N, C-alpha and C. Protein backbone atom coordinates (compact mmCIF):
# COMPACT_ATOMS: atom_id res chain seq x y z
N MET A 1 13.15 1.12 -19.82
CA MET A 1 13.12 0.48 -18.53
C MET A 1 11.67 0.19 -18.16
N SER A 2 11.45 -1.01 -17.70
CA SER A 2 10.13 -1.41 -17.26
C SER A 2 9.78 -0.72 -15.95
N LYS A 3 8.55 -0.27 -15.84
CA LYS A 3 8.05 0.31 -14.59
C LYS A 3 7.46 -0.82 -13.76
N ILE A 4 7.66 -0.77 -12.46
CA ILE A 4 7.34 -1.88 -11.58
C ILE A 4 5.98 -1.70 -10.92
N ILE A 5 5.19 -2.76 -10.96
CA ILE A 5 3.91 -2.82 -10.27
C ILE A 5 4.18 -3.36 -8.87
N PRO A 6 3.80 -2.61 -7.84
CA PRO A 6 4.07 -3.07 -6.48
C PRO A 6 3.25 -4.31 -6.13
N LEU A 7 3.91 -5.29 -5.54
CA LEU A 7 3.22 -6.54 -5.22
C LEU A 7 3.16 -6.84 -3.73
N ILE A 8 3.68 -5.96 -2.89
CA ILE A 8 3.50 -6.15 -1.45
C ILE A 8 2.04 -5.82 -1.14
N THR A 9 1.36 -6.72 -0.49
CA THR A 9 -0.05 -6.54 -0.20
C THR A 9 -0.27 -5.58 0.97
N SER A 10 -1.41 -4.95 0.99
CA SER A 10 -1.79 -4.07 2.10
C SER A 10 -2.01 -4.86 3.38
N GLY A 11 -2.17 -6.16 3.28
CA GLY A 11 -2.42 -7.00 4.44
C GLY A 11 -1.16 -7.44 5.17
N ILE A 12 -0.02 -6.87 4.79
CA ILE A 12 1.25 -7.21 5.43
C ILE A 12 1.72 -6.05 6.29
N ALA A 13 2.24 -6.38 7.46
CA ALA A 13 2.84 -5.39 8.36
C ALA A 13 4.30 -5.76 8.59
N GLY A 14 5.11 -4.77 8.86
CA GLY A 14 6.50 -5.01 9.24
C GLY A 14 6.61 -5.13 10.76
N PRO A 15 7.81 -5.04 11.30
CA PRO A 15 8.03 -5.18 12.73
C PRO A 15 7.21 -4.22 13.61
N LEU A 16 6.88 -3.04 13.12
CA LEU A 16 6.08 -2.11 13.91
C LEU A 16 4.61 -2.53 13.99
N GLY A 17 4.20 -3.47 13.13
CA GLY A 17 2.84 -3.98 13.18
C GLY A 17 1.81 -3.13 12.47
N VAL A 18 2.25 -2.27 11.55
CA VAL A 18 1.34 -1.36 10.85
C VAL A 18 1.02 -1.93 9.47
N LEU A 19 -0.22 -2.38 9.30
CA LEU A 19 -0.64 -2.91 8.00
C LEU A 19 -0.50 -1.82 6.93
N HIS A 20 -0.15 -2.24 5.75
CA HIS A 20 -0.01 -1.42 4.56
C HIS A 20 1.30 -0.61 4.52
N LEU A 21 1.96 -0.41 5.64
CA LEU A 21 3.18 0.39 5.62
C LEU A 21 4.25 -0.18 4.69
N PRO A 22 4.49 -1.50 4.66
CA PRO A 22 5.47 -2.00 3.70
C PRO A 22 5.11 -1.68 2.24
N ARG A 23 3.84 -1.75 1.91
CA ARG A 23 3.42 -1.42 0.53
C ARG A 23 3.63 0.06 0.25
N LEU A 24 3.27 0.92 1.19
CA LEU A 24 3.48 2.35 1.02
C LEU A 24 4.96 2.66 0.83
N TRP A 25 5.81 2.06 1.65
CA TRP A 25 7.26 2.25 1.51
C TRP A 25 7.71 1.80 0.12
N GLN A 26 7.22 0.63 -0.34
CA GLN A 26 7.64 0.13 -1.65
C GLN A 26 7.22 1.08 -2.77
N LYS A 27 5.98 1.53 -2.73
CA LYS A 27 5.49 2.43 -3.78
C LYS A 27 6.26 3.75 -3.78
N ALA A 28 6.44 4.32 -2.61
CA ALA A 28 7.16 5.60 -2.52
C ALA A 28 8.62 5.42 -2.95
N SER A 29 9.21 4.31 -2.59
CA SER A 29 10.61 4.03 -2.97
C SER A 29 10.76 3.83 -4.46
N LEU A 30 9.84 3.08 -5.05
CA LEU A 30 9.88 2.89 -6.50
C LEU A 30 9.70 4.22 -7.22
N ASP A 31 8.80 5.04 -6.72
CA ASP A 31 8.58 6.35 -7.33
C ASP A 31 9.83 7.21 -7.22
N ALA A 32 10.48 7.20 -6.06
CA ALA A 32 11.69 7.99 -5.85
C ALA A 32 12.81 7.56 -6.80
N ALA A 33 12.80 6.29 -7.18
CA ALA A 33 13.81 5.76 -8.09
C ALA A 33 13.38 5.86 -9.56
N GLY A 34 12.19 6.43 -9.81
CA GLY A 34 11.69 6.55 -11.18
C GLY A 34 11.24 5.23 -11.77
N LYS A 35 10.88 4.26 -10.91
CA LYS A 35 10.54 2.93 -11.38
C LYS A 35 9.11 2.50 -11.11
N LEU A 36 8.30 3.37 -10.50
CA LEU A 36 6.92 2.99 -10.18
C LEU A 36 6.05 3.03 -11.42
N HIS A 37 5.26 1.98 -11.62
CA HIS A 37 4.33 1.92 -12.74
C HIS A 37 3.39 3.12 -12.66
N PRO A 38 3.09 3.76 -13.78
CA PRO A 38 2.29 5.00 -13.75
C PRO A 38 0.85 4.83 -13.26
N ASP A 39 0.33 3.62 -13.19
CA ASP A 39 -1.02 3.41 -12.68
C ASP A 39 -1.09 3.43 -11.15
N TYR A 40 0.06 3.55 -10.50
CA TYR A 40 0.13 3.50 -9.04
C TYR A 40 0.71 4.80 -8.49
N PRO A 41 0.03 5.41 -7.52
CA PRO A 41 0.57 6.63 -6.91
C PRO A 41 1.63 6.30 -5.86
N ALA A 42 2.59 7.18 -5.69
CA ALA A 42 3.58 7.00 -4.62
C ALA A 42 2.89 7.00 -3.26
N ALA A 43 1.91 7.88 -3.11
CA ALA A 43 1.12 7.95 -1.87
C ALA A 43 -0.24 8.53 -2.24
N GLY A 44 -1.21 7.65 -2.35
CA GLY A 44 -2.54 8.08 -2.76
C GLY A 44 -3.43 8.44 -1.58
N ALA A 45 -4.71 8.61 -1.90
CA ALA A 45 -5.68 9.09 -0.91
C ALA A 45 -6.31 7.98 -0.07
N GLY A 46 -6.15 6.73 -0.46
CA GLY A 46 -6.81 5.63 0.25
C GLY A 46 -5.99 5.08 1.40
N TYR A 47 -5.58 3.82 1.29
CA TYR A 47 -4.80 3.17 2.34
C TYR A 47 -3.53 3.94 2.67
N ASP A 48 -2.91 4.55 1.65
CA ASP A 48 -1.67 5.29 1.89
C ASP A 48 -1.90 6.41 2.90
N GLN A 49 -2.91 7.23 2.65
CA GLN A 49 -3.17 8.35 3.55
C GLN A 49 -3.69 7.86 4.90
N MET A 50 -4.49 6.80 4.88
CA MET A 50 -4.96 6.22 6.15
C MET A 50 -3.77 5.82 7.02
N THR A 51 -2.76 5.23 6.40
CA THR A 51 -1.59 4.76 7.14
C THR A 51 -0.80 5.93 7.69
N LEU A 52 -0.56 6.93 6.86
CA LEU A 52 0.17 8.11 7.32
C LEU A 52 -0.59 8.82 8.44
N ASP A 53 -1.90 8.91 8.31
CA ASP A 53 -2.72 9.55 9.35
C ASP A 53 -2.64 8.77 10.67
N ALA A 54 -2.72 7.44 10.59
CA ALA A 54 -2.66 6.62 11.79
C ALA A 54 -1.32 6.79 12.51
N LEU A 55 -0.27 6.98 11.71
CA LEU A 55 1.06 7.17 12.28
C LEU A 55 1.31 8.61 12.72
N GLY A 56 0.47 9.52 12.27
CA GLY A 56 0.70 10.93 12.57
C GLY A 56 1.88 11.49 11.81
N ILE A 57 2.08 11.00 10.59
CA ILE A 57 3.22 11.41 9.75
C ILE A 57 2.70 12.24 8.58
N ASP A 58 3.32 13.37 8.35
CA ASP A 58 2.97 14.25 7.24
C ASP A 58 3.35 13.60 5.92
N ARG A 59 2.43 13.59 4.97
CA ARG A 59 2.65 12.96 3.66
C ARG A 59 3.87 13.53 2.96
N ASP A 60 3.95 14.86 2.88
CA ASP A 60 5.07 15.48 2.17
C ASP A 60 6.40 15.19 2.84
N ALA A 61 6.42 15.17 4.17
CA ALA A 61 7.65 14.85 4.90
C ALA A 61 8.07 13.41 4.64
N PHE A 62 7.10 12.50 4.63
CA PHE A 62 7.38 11.10 4.36
C PHE A 62 7.97 10.92 2.96
N LEU A 63 7.31 11.51 1.97
CA LEU A 63 7.78 11.37 0.59
C LEU A 63 9.15 12.02 0.39
N ALA A 64 9.38 13.14 1.05
CA ALA A 64 10.69 13.80 0.95
C ALA A 64 11.78 12.92 1.56
N TYR A 65 11.47 12.32 2.71
CA TYR A 65 12.43 11.41 3.35
C TYR A 65 12.77 10.25 2.42
N ILE A 66 11.76 9.63 1.85
CA ILE A 66 11.98 8.50 0.95
C ILE A 66 12.80 8.94 -0.27
N ARG A 67 12.45 10.07 -0.84
CA ARG A 67 13.13 10.58 -2.03
C ARG A 67 14.60 10.91 -1.73
N GLU A 68 14.84 11.55 -0.60
CA GLU A 68 16.20 12.01 -0.29
C GLU A 68 17.10 10.90 0.25
N LYS A 69 16.57 10.02 1.07
CA LYS A 69 17.41 9.01 1.75
C LYS A 69 17.37 7.63 1.11
N LYS A 70 16.30 7.33 0.36
CA LYS A 70 16.13 6.01 -0.23
C LYS A 70 16.39 4.90 0.80
N PRO A 71 15.63 4.92 1.91
CA PRO A 71 15.90 3.99 3.01
C PRO A 71 15.43 2.57 2.73
N THR A 72 16.04 1.63 3.44
CA THR A 72 15.51 0.27 3.47
C THR A 72 14.20 0.33 4.25
N TYR A 73 13.48 -0.78 4.26
CA TYR A 73 12.22 -0.77 5.00
C TYR A 73 12.45 -0.53 6.49
N THR A 74 13.41 -1.23 7.06
CA THR A 74 13.63 -1.07 8.50
C THR A 74 14.15 0.33 8.84
N GLN A 75 14.91 0.93 7.95
CA GLN A 75 15.33 2.32 8.16
C GLN A 75 14.12 3.25 8.13
N CYS A 76 13.17 2.97 7.26
CA CYS A 76 11.94 3.76 7.18
C CYS A 76 11.16 3.65 8.48
N GLU A 77 11.01 2.44 9.00
CA GLU A 77 10.32 2.27 10.27
C GLU A 77 11.03 3.03 11.39
N GLN A 78 12.36 2.98 11.39
CA GLN A 78 13.11 3.69 12.42
C GLN A 78 12.91 5.19 12.31
N TRP A 79 12.86 5.71 11.08
CA TRP A 79 12.61 7.13 10.88
C TRP A 79 11.25 7.51 11.45
N ILE A 80 10.25 6.66 11.20
CA ILE A 80 8.91 6.91 11.74
C ILE A 80 8.96 6.95 13.27
N LEU A 81 9.63 5.97 13.87
CA LEU A 81 9.77 5.97 15.33
C LEU A 81 10.47 7.23 15.82
N ASP A 82 11.51 7.64 15.11
CA ASP A 82 12.23 8.86 15.50
C ASP A 82 11.31 10.07 15.43
N GLN A 83 10.45 10.13 14.42
CA GLN A 83 9.52 11.24 14.27
C GLN A 83 8.49 11.26 15.40
N LYS A 84 8.21 10.09 15.96
CA LYS A 84 7.17 9.96 16.98
C LYS A 84 7.76 9.82 18.39
N GLY A 85 9.02 10.18 18.58
CA GLY A 85 9.62 10.12 19.90
C GLY A 85 9.89 8.72 20.40
N GLY A 86 9.98 7.76 19.50
CA GLY A 86 10.34 6.39 19.87
C GLY A 86 9.20 5.44 20.10
N THR A 87 7.97 5.94 20.10
CA THR A 87 6.83 5.04 20.30
C THR A 87 5.68 5.43 19.40
N LEU A 88 4.84 4.45 19.14
CA LEU A 88 3.63 4.69 18.36
C LEU A 88 2.42 4.55 19.27
N ASP A 89 1.33 5.17 18.88
CA ASP A 89 0.06 5.07 19.59
C ASP A 89 -0.56 3.71 19.25
N ALA A 90 -0.47 2.77 20.18
CA ALA A 90 -0.94 1.41 19.92
C ALA A 90 -2.42 1.36 19.58
N GLU A 91 -3.23 2.18 20.23
CA GLU A 91 -4.66 2.18 19.92
C GLU A 91 -4.92 2.69 18.50
N ALA A 92 -4.17 3.70 18.09
CA ALA A 92 -4.33 4.23 16.72
C ALA A 92 -3.92 3.18 15.69
N ILE A 93 -2.86 2.44 15.98
CA ILE A 93 -2.40 1.39 15.05
C ILE A 93 -3.42 0.26 15.00
N ASP A 94 -3.95 -0.15 16.14
CA ASP A 94 -4.97 -1.20 16.16
C ASP A 94 -6.21 -0.76 15.37
N ALA A 95 -6.63 0.48 15.56
CA ALA A 95 -7.80 0.99 14.84
C ALA A 95 -7.51 1.05 13.34
N HIS A 96 -6.31 1.48 13.00
CA HIS A 96 -5.90 1.54 11.58
C HIS A 96 -5.93 0.14 10.96
N ASN A 97 -5.31 -0.82 11.64
CA ASN A 97 -5.25 -2.18 11.11
C ASN A 97 -6.65 -2.75 10.93
N ALA A 98 -7.54 -2.50 11.87
CA ALA A 98 -8.92 -2.96 11.75
C ALA A 98 -9.61 -2.29 10.56
N ALA A 99 -9.33 -1.02 10.33
CA ALA A 99 -9.92 -0.30 9.20
C ALA A 99 -9.41 -0.85 7.87
N VAL A 100 -8.12 -1.17 7.81
CA VAL A 100 -7.55 -1.74 6.58
C VAL A 100 -8.20 -3.09 6.29
N VAL A 101 -8.24 -3.96 7.27
CA VAL A 101 -8.80 -5.30 7.09
C VAL A 101 -10.30 -5.24 6.80
N GLY A 102 -10.98 -4.30 7.41
CA GLY A 102 -12.43 -4.22 7.28
C GLY A 102 -12.95 -3.43 6.10
N TYR A 103 -12.06 -2.83 5.32
CA TYR A 103 -12.52 -1.98 4.22
C TYR A 103 -12.95 -2.83 3.03
N ASN A 104 -14.14 -2.54 2.51
CA ASN A 104 -14.65 -3.19 1.31
C ASN A 104 -14.79 -2.15 0.21
N HIS A 105 -14.44 -2.55 -1.00
CA HIS A 105 -14.66 -1.66 -2.15
C HIS A 105 -16.16 -1.54 -2.42
N ASP A 106 -16.52 -0.46 -3.11
CA ASP A 106 -17.91 -0.32 -3.52
C ASP A 106 -18.23 -1.37 -4.59
N ASP A 107 -19.50 -1.58 -4.84
CA ASP A 107 -19.94 -2.63 -5.77
C ASP A 107 -19.34 -2.45 -7.16
N GLU A 108 -19.30 -1.23 -7.66
CA GLU A 108 -18.78 -0.99 -9.01
C GLU A 108 -17.30 -1.37 -9.11
N THR A 109 -16.52 -0.98 -8.12
CA THR A 109 -15.09 -1.31 -8.12
C THR A 109 -14.88 -2.81 -8.03
N ARG A 110 -15.62 -3.46 -7.12
CA ARG A 110 -15.51 -4.91 -6.98
C ARG A 110 -15.83 -5.61 -8.29
N LYS A 111 -16.93 -5.23 -8.93
CA LYS A 111 -17.33 -5.86 -10.19
C LYS A 111 -16.29 -5.63 -11.28
N ARG A 112 -15.74 -4.42 -11.36
CA ARG A 112 -14.72 -4.11 -12.37
C ARG A 112 -13.49 -4.98 -12.18
N ILE A 113 -13.02 -5.10 -10.94
CA ILE A 113 -11.82 -5.90 -10.68
C ILE A 113 -12.08 -7.37 -10.98
N LEU A 114 -13.18 -7.91 -10.49
CA LEU A 114 -13.46 -9.33 -10.71
C LEU A 114 -13.65 -9.64 -12.18
N GLU A 115 -14.30 -8.77 -12.90
CA GLU A 115 -14.45 -8.97 -14.35
C GLU A 115 -13.08 -8.98 -15.03
N ALA A 116 -12.22 -8.06 -14.65
CA ALA A 116 -10.89 -7.95 -15.27
C ALA A 116 -10.04 -9.20 -15.03
N VAL A 117 -10.23 -9.85 -13.88
CA VAL A 117 -9.42 -11.03 -13.57
C VAL A 117 -10.13 -12.33 -13.91
N GLY A 118 -11.36 -12.24 -14.42
CA GLY A 118 -12.07 -13.43 -14.88
C GLY A 118 -12.71 -14.25 -13.78
N ILE A 119 -13.13 -13.60 -12.70
CA ILE A 119 -13.81 -14.30 -11.60
C ILE A 119 -15.25 -13.81 -11.53
N ALA A 120 -16.16 -14.75 -11.44
CA ALA A 120 -17.57 -14.39 -11.30
C ALA A 120 -17.80 -13.69 -9.96
N ASP A 121 -18.63 -12.68 -9.98
CA ASP A 121 -18.95 -11.94 -8.76
C ASP A 121 -20.07 -12.65 -8.02
N THR A 122 -19.67 -13.54 -7.11
CA THR A 122 -20.64 -14.29 -6.32
C THR A 122 -20.88 -13.66 -4.96
N GLY A 123 -20.17 -12.57 -4.69
CA GLY A 123 -20.26 -11.93 -3.39
C GLY A 123 -19.32 -12.53 -2.36
N ALA A 124 -18.49 -13.48 -2.78
CA ALA A 124 -17.58 -14.15 -1.85
C ALA A 124 -16.35 -13.30 -1.54
N ILE A 125 -15.93 -12.46 -2.48
CA ILE A 125 -14.75 -11.61 -2.27
C ILE A 125 -15.24 -10.17 -2.19
N LEU A 126 -15.19 -9.62 -0.99
CA LEU A 126 -15.67 -8.26 -0.78
C LEU A 126 -14.57 -7.30 -0.34
N ASP A 127 -13.56 -7.83 0.35
CA ASP A 127 -12.57 -6.95 0.98
C ASP A 127 -11.59 -6.37 -0.03
N ALA A 128 -11.21 -5.14 0.23
CA ALA A 128 -10.32 -4.41 -0.68
C ALA A 128 -8.93 -5.03 -0.74
N ILE A 129 -8.46 -5.60 0.35
CA ILE A 129 -7.11 -6.20 0.31
C ILE A 129 -7.05 -7.28 -0.76
N ASN A 130 -7.97 -8.23 -0.72
CA ASN A 130 -7.93 -9.32 -1.70
C ASN A 130 -8.26 -8.84 -3.11
N LEU A 131 -9.19 -7.93 -3.23
CA LEU A 131 -9.50 -7.40 -4.56
C LEU A 131 -8.30 -6.64 -5.14
N ASN A 132 -7.64 -5.84 -4.31
CA ASN A 132 -6.45 -5.12 -4.79
C ASN A 132 -5.34 -6.09 -5.16
N ASN A 133 -5.17 -7.16 -4.38
CA ASN A 133 -4.17 -8.17 -4.73
C ASN A 133 -4.46 -8.76 -6.10
N LEU A 134 -5.71 -9.15 -6.32
CA LEU A 134 -6.07 -9.72 -7.63
C LEU A 134 -5.77 -8.76 -8.76
N GLU A 135 -6.09 -7.49 -8.55
CA GLU A 135 -5.84 -6.48 -9.58
C GLU A 135 -4.33 -6.30 -9.81
N ASP A 136 -3.54 -6.24 -8.74
CA ASP A 136 -2.09 -6.11 -8.88
C ASP A 136 -1.50 -7.30 -9.63
N TRP A 137 -1.93 -8.50 -9.28
CA TRP A 137 -1.39 -9.69 -9.91
C TRP A 137 -1.76 -9.75 -11.38
N GLN A 138 -2.98 -9.34 -11.70
CA GLN A 138 -3.42 -9.29 -13.09
C GLN A 138 -2.59 -8.28 -13.88
N ASP A 139 -2.41 -7.08 -13.29
CA ASP A 139 -1.62 -6.05 -13.95
C ASP A 139 -0.16 -6.49 -14.13
N PHE A 140 0.39 -7.13 -13.11
CA PHE A 140 1.76 -7.63 -13.18
C PHE A 140 1.89 -8.65 -14.31
N HIS A 141 0.96 -9.58 -14.36
CA HIS A 141 1.00 -10.60 -15.41
C HIS A 141 0.93 -9.95 -16.79
N ALA A 142 0.02 -9.02 -16.96
CA ALA A 142 -0.13 -8.36 -18.26
C ALA A 142 1.13 -7.58 -18.65
N ALA A 143 1.76 -6.94 -17.69
CA ALA A 143 2.92 -6.10 -17.99
C ALA A 143 4.22 -6.90 -18.13
N GLU A 144 4.35 -7.98 -17.37
CA GLU A 144 5.66 -8.66 -17.29
C GLU A 144 5.70 -10.08 -17.84
N ILE A 145 4.57 -10.75 -17.92
CA ILE A 145 4.57 -12.16 -18.27
C ILE A 145 3.94 -12.44 -19.64
N ALA A 146 2.76 -11.90 -19.84
CA ALA A 146 2.03 -12.17 -21.08
C ALA A 146 2.77 -11.58 -22.28
N ASP A 147 2.56 -12.18 -23.39
CA ASP A 147 3.21 -11.68 -24.62
C ASP A 147 2.42 -10.62 -25.27
């Protein structure tokens, strides 16, 4: 069975307006189903933990919920709302979204990704969202399309 590379970008939010949450849900769900590509963590230390922290959700509780219930995305959002008494801290979500959009990879990571995808490092692409997208798409192509 082929392992799946997640392609939902960190720059996407669902109805709750939380950037990266759809990607975190996808990765955790694929992992729970035994289908996540081994190069991707179900919930890593970067955007994943930033998102859980902004929501005030415990990582282990989130992963256990995903593993046990295998929820749809909207069911996952509802579970989060239920955990938070029906509302989210709007200021925390705004700060989180700004941090996601504003995060840039270090020079070494940027250069590694751009080299791997065949783009010259002109300094035009600095943000982690776009660099991560390029890396995901390259990995997807290599795993699923290329011969």
